Amino acid sequence: MGRQPRGDADRVHDRIAVLRAERRVSRKELADAVGVHPQTIGYLERGEYSPSLVLALRIARFFDLPVEAVFSLDPLPAIGSELLRRNQ
Protein backbone atom coordinates (compact mmCIF):
# COMPACT_ATOMS: atom_id res chain seq x y z
CA MET A 1 0.00 0.00 0.00
CA GLY A 2 2.66 2.51 -0.95
CA ARG A 3 6.30 2.63 -1.92
CA GLN A 4 9.75 3.59 -0.77
CA PRO A 5 10.69 7.21 -1.47
CA ARG A 6 13.47 7.55 -4.06
CA GLY A 7 14.94 10.66 -2.47
CA ASP A 8 14.17 13.65 -0.26
CA ALA A 9 12.10 15.29 -3.01
CA ASP A 10 9.94 12.16 -3.11
CA ARG A 11 9.48 11.92 0.68
CA VAL A 12 6.09 12.32 2.31
CA HIS A 13 6.34 13.98 5.73
CA ASP A 14 3.84 13.07 8.42
CA ARG A 15 2.72 13.67 11.99
CA ILE A 16 1.70 10.10 12.73
CA ALA A 17 4.06 9.61 15.68
CA VAL A 18 3.01 12.91 17.28
CA LEU A 19 -0.68 12.18 16.81
CA ARG A 20 -0.30 8.66 18.18
CA ALA A 21 1.54 9.96 21.25
CA GLU A 22 -1.03 12.71 21.89
CA ARG A 23 -3.89 10.23 21.67
CA ARG A 24 -2.05 7.36 23.35
CA VAL A 25 -2.54 5.03 20.38
CA SER A 26 -0.05 2.21 19.77
CA ARG A 27 1.30 1.33 16.35
CA LYS A 28 -0.63 -1.91 16.53
CA GLU A 29 -3.92 -0.15 17.35
CA LEU A 30 -3.49 2.26 14.45
CA ALA A 31 -2.39 -0.52 12.10
CA ASP A 32 -5.39 -2.67 13.00
CA ALA A 33 -7.75 0.27 12.49
CA VAL A 34 -6.42 1.09 9.01
CA GLY A 35 -5.75 -2.48 7.84
CA VAL A 36 -1.95 -2.68 7.70
CA HIS A 37 0.86 -4.40 9.61
CA PRO A 38 2.25 -2.44 12.61
CA GLN A 39 5.65 -2.44 10.91
CA THR A 40 4.13 -0.37 8.09
CA ILE A 41 3.24 2.36 10.59
CA GLY A 42 6.87 2.37 11.76
CA TYR A 43 8.10 2.67 8.18
CA LEU A 44 5.77 5.62 7.60
CA GLU A 45 6.86 7.37 10.80
CA ARG A 46 10.54 7.01 9.88
CA GLY A 47 9.99 8.23 6.32
CA GLU A 48 11.07 4.89 4.86
CA TYR A 49 7.75 4.39 3.10
CA SER A 50 5.25 6.66 1.36
CA PRO A 51 1.61 5.78 1.92
CA SER A 52 -0.81 5.06 -0.86
CA LEU A 53 -3.60 7.59 -1.21
CA VAL A 54 -6.06 5.12 0.33
CA LEU A 55 -3.81 4.49 3.34
CA ALA A 56 -3.18 8.23 3.86
CA LEU A 57 -6.93 8.87 3.80
CA ARG A 58 -7.61 6.03 6.24
CA ILE A 59 -4.99 7.33 8.67
CA ALA A 60 -6.37 10.89 8.43
CA ARG A 61 -9.90 9.58 9.02
CA PHE A 62 -8.70 7.58 12.04
CA PHE A 63 -7.36 10.80 13.61
CA ASP A 64 -10.42 12.77 12.42
CA LEU A 65 -8.21 15.28 10.62
CA PRO A 66 -7.89 16.47 7.04
CA VAL A 67 -5.21 14.53 5.18
CA GLU A 68 -3.08 17.68 4.79
CA ALA A 69 -2.92 18.03 8.59
CA VAL A 70 -1.29 14.59 8.79
CA PHE A 71 0.77 14.42 5.56
CA SER A 72 2.74 16.91 3.48
CA LEU A 73 5.32 17.01 0.70
CA ASP A 74 7.12 19.73 2.70
CA PRO A 75 8.49 19.30 6.22
CA LEU A 76 5.70 19.97 8.70
CA PRO A 77 6.17 22.62 11.40
CA ALA A 78 5.69 21.58 14.99
CA ILE A 79 2.01 21.64 15.93
CA GLY A 80 2.71 24.12 18.74
CA SER A 81 4.33 26.56 16.29
CA GLU A 82 1.35 26.30 13.98
CA LEU A 83 -1.11 27.03 16.80
CA LEU A 84 0.90 30.02 17.99
CA ARG A 85 0.92 31.49 14.49
CA ARG A 86 -2.87 31.13 14.21
CA ASN A 87 -3.46 32.88 17.54
CA GLN A 88 -1.38 35.93 16.70
PDB file of N, CA and C in Angstrom:
ATOM      1  N   MET A   1       0.815  -1.204   0.000  1.00  0.00           N
ATOM      2  CA  MET A   1       0.000   0.000   0.000  1.00  0.00           C
ATOM      3  C   MET A   1       0.850   1.255   0.000  1.00  0.00           C
ATOM      4  N   GLY A   2       1.791   1.355  -0.873  1.00  0.00           N
ATOM      5  CA  GLY A   2       2.661   2.510  -0.954  1.00  0.00           C
ATOM      6  C   GLY A   2       3.975   2.107  -1.567  1.00  0.00           C
ATOM      7  N   ARG A   3       4.993   2.960  -1.377  1.00  0.00           N
ATOM      8  CA  ARG A   3       6.299   2.634  -1.920  1.00  0.00           C
ATOM      9  C   ARG A   3       7.382   3.363  -1.163  1.00  0.00           C
ATOM     10  N   GLN A   4       8.628   2.924  -1.396  1.00  0.00           N
ATOM     11  CA  GLN A   4       9.749   3.593  -0.770  1.00  0.00           C
ATOM     12  C   GLN A   4      10.051   4.876  -1.522  1.00  0.00           C
ATOM     13  N   PRO A   5      10.326   5.977  -0.790  1.00  0.00           N
ATOM     14  CA  PRO A   5      10.692   7.210  -1.474  1.00  0.00           C
ATOM     15  C   PRO A   5      12.049   7.044  -2.164  1.00  0.00           C
ATOM     16  N   ARG A   6      12.207   7.650  -3.316  1.00  0.00           N
ATOM     17  CA  ARG A   6      13.469   7.550  -4.065  1.00  0.00           C
ATOM     18  C   ARG A   6      14.498   8.555  -3.564  1.00  0.00           C
ATOM     19  N   GLY A   7      14.040   9.626  -2.972  1.00  0.00           N
ATOM     20  CA  GLY A   7      14.938  10.659  -2.471  1.00  0.00           C
ATOM     21  C   GLY A   7      14.160  11.638  -1.617  1.00  0.00           C
ATOM     22  N   ASP A   8      14.838  12.673  -1.129  1.00  0.00           N
ATOM     23  CA  ASP A   8      14.174  13.653  -0.264  1.00  0.00           C
ATOM     24  C   ASP A   8      13.023  14.358  -0.972  1.00  0.00           C
ATOM     25  N   ALA A   9      13.163  14.610  -2.277  1.00  0.00           N
ATOM     26  CA  ALA A   9      12.098  15.291  -3.011  1.00  0.00           C
ATOM     27  C   ALA A   9      10.855  14.417  -3.139  1.00  0.00           C
ATOM     28  N   ASP A  10      11.031  13.125  -2.954  1.00  0.00           N
ATOM     29  CA  ASP A  10       9.941  12.158  -3.105  1.00  0.00           C
ATOM     30  C   ASP A  10       9.346  11.754  -1.744  1.00  0.00           C
ATOM     31  N   ARG A  11       9.883  12.327  -0.672  1.00  0.00           N
ATOM     32  CA  ARG A  11       9.480  11.921   0.676  1.00  0.00           C
ATOM     33  C   ARG A  11       8.166  12.584   1.087  1.00  0.00           C
ATOM     34  N   VAL A  12       7.314  11.809   1.735  1.00  0.00           N
ATOM     35  CA  VAL A  12       6.085  12.323   2.314  1.00  0.00           C
ATOM     36  C   VAL A  12       6.325  12.487   3.813  1.00  0.00           C
ATOM     37  N   HIS A  13       6.165  13.695   4.306  1.00  0.00           N
ATOM     38  CA  HIS A  13       6.344  13.977   5.733  1.00  0.00           C
ATOM     39  C   HIS A  13       5.012  13.745   6.433  1.00  0.00           C
ATOM     40  N   ASP A  14       5.089  13.323   7.696  1.00  0.00           N
ATOM     41  CA  ASP A  14       3.838  13.070   8.416  1.00  0.00           C
ATOM     42  C   ASP A  14       3.969  13.381   9.899  1.00  0.00           C
ATOM     43  N   ARG A  15       2.819  13.432  10.548  1.00  0.00           N
ATOM     44  CA  ARG A  15       2.725  13.671  11.991  1.00  0.00           C
ATOM     45  C   ARG A  15       2.176  12.450  12.716  1.00  0.00           C
ATOM     46  N   ILE A  16       2.316  11.284  12.136  1.00  0.00           N
ATOM     47  CA  ILE A  16       1.700  10.095  12.725  1.00  0.00           C
ATOM     48  C   ILE A  16       2.208   9.851  14.145  1.00  0.00           C
ATOM     49  N   ALA A  17       3.507   9.895  14.350  1.00  0.00           N
ATOM     50  CA  ALA A  17       4.065   9.609  15.681  1.00  0.00           C
ATOM     51  C   ALA A  17       3.551  10.605  16.720  1.00  0.00           C
ATOM     52  N   VAL A  18       3.492  11.882  16.354  1.00  0.00           N
ATOM     53  CA  VAL A  18       3.014  12.913  17.283  1.00  0.00           C
ATOM     54  C   VAL A  18       1.538  12.685  17.614  1.00  0.00           C
ATOM     55  N   LEU A  19       0.753  12.413  16.592  1.00  0.00           N
ATOM     56  CA  LEU A  19      -0.677  12.182  16.805  1.00  0.00           C
ATOM     57  C   LEU A  19      -0.916  10.931  17.641  1.00  0.00           C
ATOM     58  N   ARG A  20      -0.143   9.886  17.385  1.00  0.00           N
ATOM     59  CA  ARG A  20      -0.299   8.661  18.182  1.00  0.00           C
ATOM     60  C   ARG A  20       0.040   8.926  19.640  1.00  0.00           C
ATOM     61  N   ALA A  21       1.119   9.665  19.875  1.00  0.00           N
ATOM     62  CA  ALA A  21       1.537   9.963  21.250  1.00  0.00           C
ATOM     63  C   ALA A  21       0.492  10.804  21.975  1.00  0.00           C
ATOM     64  N   GLU A  22      -0.009  11.842  21.289  1.00  0.00           N
ATOM     65  CA  GLU A  22      -1.032  12.708  21.893  1.00  0.00           C
ATOM     66  C   GLU A  22      -2.267  11.926  22.295  1.00  0.00           C
ATOM     67  N   ARG A  23      -2.639  10.970  21.448  1.00  0.00           N
ATOM     68  CA  ARG A  23      -3.888  10.226  21.672  1.00  0.00           C
ATOM     69  C   ARG A  23      -3.672   8.870  22.319  1.00  0.00           C
ATOM     70  N   ARG A  24      -2.423   8.615  22.674  1.00  0.00           N
ATOM     71  CA  ARG A  24      -2.052   7.355  23.348  1.00  0.00           C
ATOM     72  C   ARG A  24      -2.532   6.129  22.570  1.00  0.00           C
ATOM     73  N   VAL A  25      -2.177   6.120  21.286  1.00  0.00           N
ATOM     74  CA  VAL A  25      -2.536   5.027  20.383  1.00  0.00           C
ATOM     75  C   VAL A  25      -1.249   4.295  20.010  1.00  0.00           C
ATOM     76  N   SER A  26      -1.238   2.985  20.144  1.00  0.00           N
ATOM     77  CA  SER A  26      -0.052   2.215  19.768  1.00  0.00           C
ATOM     78  C   SER A  26       0.000   2.028  18.258  1.00  0.00           C
ATOM     79  N   ARG A  27       1.176   1.647  17.773  1.00  0.00           N
ATOM     80  CA  ARG A  27       1.303   1.334  16.345  1.00  0.00           C
ATOM     81  C   ARG A  27       0.349   0.211  15.963  1.00  0.00           C
ATOM     82  N   LYS A  28       0.244  -0.774  16.822  1.00  0.00           N
ATOM     83  CA  LYS A  28      -0.632  -1.910  16.530  1.00  0.00           C
ATOM     84  C   LYS A  28      -2.094  -1.475  16.448  1.00  0.00           C
ATOM     85  N   GLU A  29      -2.536  -0.628  17.381  1.00  0.00           N
ATOM     86  CA  GLU A  29      -3.924  -0.152  17.352  1.00  0.00           C
ATOM     87  C   GLU A  29      -4.218   0.617  16.064  1.00  0.00           C
ATOM     88  N   LEU A  30      -3.302   1.504  15.679  1.00  0.00           N
ATOM     89  CA  LEU A  30      -3.494   2.258  14.447  1.00  0.00           C
ATOM     90  C   LEU A  30      -3.475   1.324  13.243  1.00  0.00           C
ATOM     91  N   ALA A  31      -2.507   0.422  13.216  1.00  0.00           N
ATOM     92  CA  ALA A  31      -2.388  -0.519  12.097  1.00  0.00           C
ATOM     93  C   ALA A  31      -3.653  -1.359  11.947  1.00  0.00           C
ATOM     94  N   ASP A  32      -4.153  -1.869  13.048  1.00  0.00           N
ATOM     95  CA  ASP A  32      -5.386  -2.675  13.001  1.00  0.00           C
ATOM     96  C   ASP A  32      -6.560  -1.850  12.473  1.00  0.00           C
ATOM     97  N   ALA A  33      -6.634  -0.595  12.886  1.00  0.00           N
ATOM     98  CA  ALA A  33      -7.752   0.267  12.489  1.00  0.00           C
ATOM     99  C   ALA A  33      -7.719   0.612  11.000  1.00  0.00           C
ATOM    100  N   VAL A  34      -6.513   0.687  10.415  1.00  0.00           N
ATOM    101  CA  VAL A  34      -6.419   1.089   9.007  1.00  0.00           C
ATOM    102  C   VAL A  34      -6.078  -0.081   8.081  1.00  0.00           C
ATOM    103  N   GLY A  35      -5.926  -1.279   8.656  1.00  0.00           N
ATOM    104  CA  GLY A  35      -5.748  -2.477   7.842  1.00  0.00           C
ATOM    105  C   GLY A  35      -4.356  -2.738   7.309  1.00  0.00           C
ATOM    106  N   VAL A  36      -3.325  -2.382   8.099  1.00  0.00           N
ATOM    107  CA  VAL A  36      -1.947  -2.680   7.696  1.00  0.00           C
ATOM    108  C   VAL A  36      -1.209  -3.359   8.851  1.00  0.00           C
ATOM    109  N   HIS A  37       0.012  -3.801   8.590  1.00  0.00           N
ATOM    110  CA  HIS A  37       0.860  -4.400   9.613  1.00  0.00           C
ATOM    111  C   HIS A  37       1.465  -3.279  10.468  1.00  0.00           C
ATOM    112  N   PRO A  38       1.645  -3.488  11.761  1.00  0.00           N
ATOM    113  CA  PRO A  38       2.246  -2.439  12.606  1.00  0.00           C
ATOM    114  C   PRO A  38       3.604  -1.951  12.103  1.00  0.00           C
ATOM    115  N   GLN A  39       4.347  -2.834  11.449  1.00  0.00           N
ATOM    116  CA  GLN A  39       5.650  -2.442  10.909  1.00  0.00           C
ATOM    117  C   GLN A  39       5.488  -1.354   9.840  1.00  0.00           C
ATOM    118  N   THR A  40       4.394  -1.395   9.103  1.00  0.00           N
ATOM    119  CA  THR A  40       4.128  -0.369   8.091  1.00  0.00           C
ATOM    120  C   THR A  40       4.014   1.011   8.737  1.00  0.00           C
ATOM    121  N   ILE A  41       3.370   1.076   9.886  1.00  0.00           N
ATOM    122  CA  ILE A  41       3.238   2.362  10.594  1.00  0.00           C
ATOM    123  C   ILE A  41       4.628   2.870  10.975  1.00  0.00           C
ATOM    124  N   GLY A  42       5.492   1.988  11.442  1.00  0.00           N
ATOM    125  CA  GLY A  42       6.868   2.370  11.763  1.00  0.00           C
ATOM    126  C   GLY A  42       7.617   2.886  10.549  1.00  0.00           C
ATOM    127  N   TYR A  43       7.461   2.211   9.414  1.00  0.00           N
ATOM    128  CA  TYR A  43       8.098   2.672   8.179  1.00  0.00           C
ATOM    129  C   TYR A  43       7.617   4.067   7.792  1.00  0.00           C
ATOM    130  N   LEU A  44       6.321   4.300   7.923  1.00  0.00           N
ATOM    131  CA  LEU A  44       5.768   5.615   7.598  1.00  0.00           C
ATOM    132  C   LEU A  44       6.349   6.676   8.524  1.00  0.00           C
ATOM    133  N   GLU A  45       6.373   6.396   9.816  1.00  0.00           N
ATOM    134  CA  GLU A  45       6.856   7.368  10.798  1.00  0.00           C
ATOM    135  C   GLU A  45       8.319   7.724  10.575  1.00  0.00           C
ATOM    136  N   ARG A  46       9.114   6.764  10.117  1.00  0.00           N
ATOM    137  CA  ARG A  46      10.539   7.008   9.882  1.00  0.00           C
ATOM    138  C   ARG A  46      10.825   7.557   8.484  1.00  0.00           C
ATOM    139  N   GLY A  47       9.797   7.715   7.667  1.00  0.00           N
ATOM    140  CA  GLY A  47       9.986   8.230   6.322  1.00  0.00           C
ATOM    141  C   GLY A  47      10.579   7.228   5.355  1.00  0.00           C
ATOM    142  N   GLU A  48      10.515   5.936   5.710  1.00  0.00           N
ATOM    143  CA  GLU A  48      11.066   4.891   4.861  1.00  0.00           C
ATOM    144  C   GLU A  48      10.055   4.390   3.837  1.00  0.00           C
ATOM    145  N   TYR A  49       8.846   4.895   3.918  1.00  0.00           N
ATOM    146  CA  TYR A  49       7.749   4.390   3.105  1.00  0.00           C
ATOM    147  C   TYR A  49       6.761   5.519   2.883  1.00  0.00           C
ATOM    148  N   SER A  50       6.294   5.668   1.661  1.00  0.00           N
ATOM    149  CA  SER A  50       5.254   6.663   1.359  1.00  0.00           C
ATOM    150  C   SER A  50       3.921   5.951   1.274  1.00  0.00           C
ATOM    151  N   PRO A  51       2.903   6.470   1.934  1.00  0.00           N
ATOM    152  CA  PRO A  51       1.610   5.780   1.924  1.00  0.00           C
ATOM    153  C   PRO A  51       0.905   5.906   0.581  1.00  0.00           C
ATOM    154  N   SER A  52       0.096   4.916   0.275  1.00  0.00           N
ATOM    155  CA  SER A  52      -0.808   5.057  -0.863  1.00  0.00           C
ATOM    156  C   SER A  52      -1.838   6.122  -0.494  1.00  0.00           C
ATOM    157  N   LEU A  53      -2.550   6.606  -1.476  1.00  0.00           N
ATOM    158  CA  LEU A  53      -3.600   7.590  -1.208  1.00  0.00           C
ATOM    159  C   LEU A  53      -4.652   7.008  -0.279  1.00  0.00           C
ATOM    160  N   VAL A  54      -5.032   5.769  -0.513  1.00  0.00           N
ATOM    161  CA  VAL A  54      -6.056   5.122   0.326  1.00  0.00           C
ATOM    162  C   VAL A  54      -5.575   5.029   1.775  1.00  0.00           C
ATOM    163  N   LEU A  55      -4.329   4.616   1.979  1.00  0.00           N
ATOM    164  CA  LEU A  55      -3.809   4.495   3.340  1.00  0.00           C
ATOM    165  C   LEU A  55      -3.725   5.868   4.007  1.00  0.00           C
ATOM    166  N   ALA A  56      -3.261   6.883   3.290  1.00  0.00           N
ATOM    167  CA  ALA A  56      -3.183   8.231   3.857  1.00  0.00           C
ATOM    168  C   ALA A  56      -4.572   8.718   4.287  1.00  0.00           C
ATOM    169  N   LEU A  57      -5.563   8.461   3.458  1.00  0.00           N
ATOM    170  CA  LEU A  57      -6.928   8.873   3.803  1.00  0.00           C
ATOM    171  C   LEU A  57      -7.461   8.096   4.998  1.00  0.00           C
ATOM    172  N   ARG A  58      -7.158   6.815   5.081  1.00  0.00           N
ATOM    173  CA  ARG A  58      -7.606   6.026   6.240  1.00  0.00           C
ATOM    174  C   ARG A  58      -6.977   6.521   7.530  1.00  0.00           C
ATOM    175  N   ILE A  59      -5.690   6.840   7.478  1.00  0.00           N
ATOM    176  CA  ILE A  59      -4.995   7.333   8.672  1.00  0.00           C
ATOM    177  C   ILE A  59      -5.571   8.689   9.084  1.00  0.00           C
ATOM    178  N   ALA A  60      -5.781   9.574   8.125  1.00  0.00           N
ATOM    179  CA  ALA A  60      -6.367  10.888   8.432  1.00  0.00           C
ATOM    180  C   ALA A  60      -7.757  10.723   9.041  1.00  0.00           C
ATOM    181  N   ARG A  61      -8.553   9.823   8.486  1.00  0.00           N
ATOM    182  CA  ARG A  61      -9.900   9.584   9.019  1.00  0.00           C
ATOM    183  C   ARG A  61      -9.820   9.028  10.440  1.00  0.00           C
ATOM    184  N   PHE A  62      -8.864   8.134  10.698  1.00  0.00           N
ATOM    185  CA  PHE A  62      -8.701   7.578  12.044  1.00  0.00           C
ATOM    186  C   PHE A  62      -8.480   8.700  13.064  1.00  0.00           C
ATOM    187  N   PHE A  63      -7.642   9.689  12.701  1.00  0.00           N
ATOM    188  CA  PHE A  63      -7.356  10.802  13.610  1.00  0.00           C
ATOM    189  C   PHE A  63      -8.382  11.929  13.505  1.00  0.00           C
ATOM    190  N   ASP A  64      -9.369  11.771  12.625  1.00  0.00           N
ATOM    191  CA  ASP A  64     -10.419  12.769  12.424  1.00  0.00           C
ATOM    192  C   ASP A  64      -9.824  14.124  12.046  1.00  0.00           C
ATOM    193  N   LEU A  65      -8.872  14.075  11.100  1.00  0.00           N
ATOM    194  CA  LEU A  65      -8.206  15.283  10.624  1.00  0.00           C
ATOM    195  C   LEU A  65      -8.183  15.278   9.099  1.00  0.00           C
ATOM    196  N   PRO A  66      -8.080  16.453   8.483  1.00  0.00           N
ATOM    197  CA  PRO A  66      -7.894  16.475   7.036  1.00  0.00           C
ATOM    198  C   PRO A  66      -6.534  15.859   6.694  1.00  0.00           C
ATOM    199  N   VAL A  67      -6.444  15.225   5.557  1.00  0.00           N
ATOM    200  CA  VAL A  67      -5.214  14.530   5.181  1.00  0.00           C
ATOM    201  C   VAL A  67      -4.010  15.478   5.190  1.00  0.00           C
ATOM    202  N   GLU A  68      -4.208  16.742   4.820  1.00  0.00           N
ATOM    203  CA  GLU A  68      -3.084  17.675   4.787  1.00  0.00           C
ATOM    204  C   GLU A  68      -2.614  18.084   6.189  1.00  0.00           C
ATOM    205  N   ALA A  69      -3.372  17.791   7.220  1.00  0.00           N
ATOM    206  CA  ALA A  69      -2.918  18.031   8.593  1.00  0.00           C
ATOM    207  C   ALA A  69      -2.014  16.900   9.079  1.00  0.00           C
ATOM    208  N   VAL A  70      -2.075  15.758   8.404  1.00  0.00           N
ATOM    209  CA  VAL A  70      -1.287  14.586   8.792  1.00  0.00           C
ATOM    210  C   VAL A  70      -0.094  14.392   7.859  1.00  0.00           C
ATOM    211  N   PHE A  71      -0.261  14.672   6.574  1.00  0.00           N
ATOM    212  CA  PHE A  71       0.768  14.416   5.564  1.00  0.00           C
ATOM    213  C   PHE A  71       1.074  15.677   4.768  1.00  0.00           C
ATOM    214  N   SER A  72       2.332  15.777   4.304  1.00  0.00           N
ATOM    215  CA  SER A  72       2.743  16.910   3.484  1.00  0.00           C
ATOM    216  C   SER A  72       3.955  16.525   2.648  1.00  0.00           C
ATOM    217  N   LEU A  73       4.109  17.184   1.504  1.00  0.00           N
ATOM    218  CA  LEU A  73       5.320  17.014   0.705  1.00  0.00           C
ATOM    219  C   LEU A  73       6.461  17.864   1.259  1.00  0.00           C
ATOM    220  N   ASP A  74       6.128  18.869   2.054  1.00  0.00           N
ATOM    221  CA  ASP A  74       7.119  19.733   2.698  1.00  0.00           C
ATOM    222  C   ASP A  74       7.212  19.357   4.174  1.00  0.00           C
ATOM    223  N   PRO A  75       8.380  19.580   4.786  1.00  0.00           N
ATOM    224  CA  PRO A  75       8.485  19.304   6.222  1.00  0.00           C
ATOM    225  C   PRO A  75       7.392  20.048   6.987  1.00  0.00           C
ATOM    226  N   LEU A  76       6.786  19.378   7.924  1.00  0.00           N
ATOM    227  CA  LEU A  76       5.697  19.968   8.702  1.00  0.00           C
ATOM    228  C   LEU A  76       6.251  20.709   9.915  1.00  0.00           C
ATOM    229  N   PRO A  77       5.742  21.917  10.183  1.00  0.00           N
ATOM    230  CA  PRO A  77       6.169  22.617  11.398  1.00  0.00           C
ATOM    231  C   PRO A  77       5.601  21.902  12.621  1.00  0.00           C
ATOM    232  N   ALA A  78       6.213  22.141  13.755  1.00  0.00           N
ATOM    233  CA  ALA A  78       5.688  21.575  14.992  1.00  0.00           C
ATOM    234  C   ALA A  78       4.266  22.084  15.197  1.00  0.00           C
ATOM    235  N   ILE A  79       3.410  21.259  15.735  1.00  0.00           N
ATOM    236  CA  ILE A  79       2.010  21.643  15.934  1.00  0.00           C
ATOM    237  C   ILE A  79       1.905  22.872  16.829  1.00  0.00           C
ATOM    238  N   GLY A  80       2.730  22.955  17.847  1.00  0.00           N
ATOM    239  CA  GLY A  80       2.713  24.115  18.736  1.00  0.00           C
ATOM    240  C   GLY A  80       3.020  25.400  18.001  1.00  0.00           C
ATOM    241  N   SER A  81       3.985  25.375  17.084  1.00  0.00           N
ATOM    242  CA  SER A  81       4.328  26.560  16.291  1.00  0.00           C
ATOM    243  C   SER A  81       3.164  26.987  15.422  1.00  0.00           C
ATOM    244  N   GLU A  82       2.491  26.016  14.847  1.00  0.00           N
ATOM    245  CA  GLU A  82       1.352  26.300  13.984  1.00  0.00           C
ATOM    246  C   GLU A  82       0.216  26.965  14.775  1.00  0.00           C
ATOM    247  N   LEU A  83      -0.045  26.464  15.964  1.00  0.00           N
ATOM    248  CA  LEU A  83      -1.111  27.029  16.796  1.00  0.00           C
ATOM    249  C   LEU A  83      -0.776  28.446  17.252  1.00  0.00           C
ATOM    250  N   LEU A  84       0.486  28.673  17.588  1.00  0.00           N
ATOM    251  CA  LEU A  84       0.896  30.017  17.993  1.00  0.00           C
ATOM    252  C   LEU A  84       0.702  31.010  16.859  1.00  0.00           C
ATOM    253  N   ARG A  85       1.052  30.623  15.643  1.00  0.00           N
ATOM    254  CA  ARG A  85       0.916  31.490  14.489  1.00  0.00           C
ATOM    255  C   ARG A  85      -0.549  31.843  14.241  1.00  0.00           C
ATOM    256  N   ARG A  86      -1.441  30.905  14.439  1.00  0.00           N
ATOM    257  CA  ARG A  86      -2.868  31.129  14.210  1.00  0.00           C
ATOM    258  C   ARG A  86      -3.463  32.090  15.245  1.00  0.00           C
ATOM    259  N   ASN A  87      -2.910  32.067  16.458  1.00  0.00           N
ATOM    260  CA  ASN A  87      -3.463  32.882  17.544  1.00  0.00           C
ATOM    261  C   ASN A  87      -2.902  34.287  17.562  1.00  0.00           C
ATOM    262  N   GLN A  88      -1.983  34.600  16.694  1.00  0.00           N
ATOM    263  CA  GLN A  88      -1.380  35.935  16.696  1.00  0.00           C
ATOM    264  C   GLN A  88      -2.101  36.880  15.768  1.00  0.00           C
TER     265      GLN A  88
END
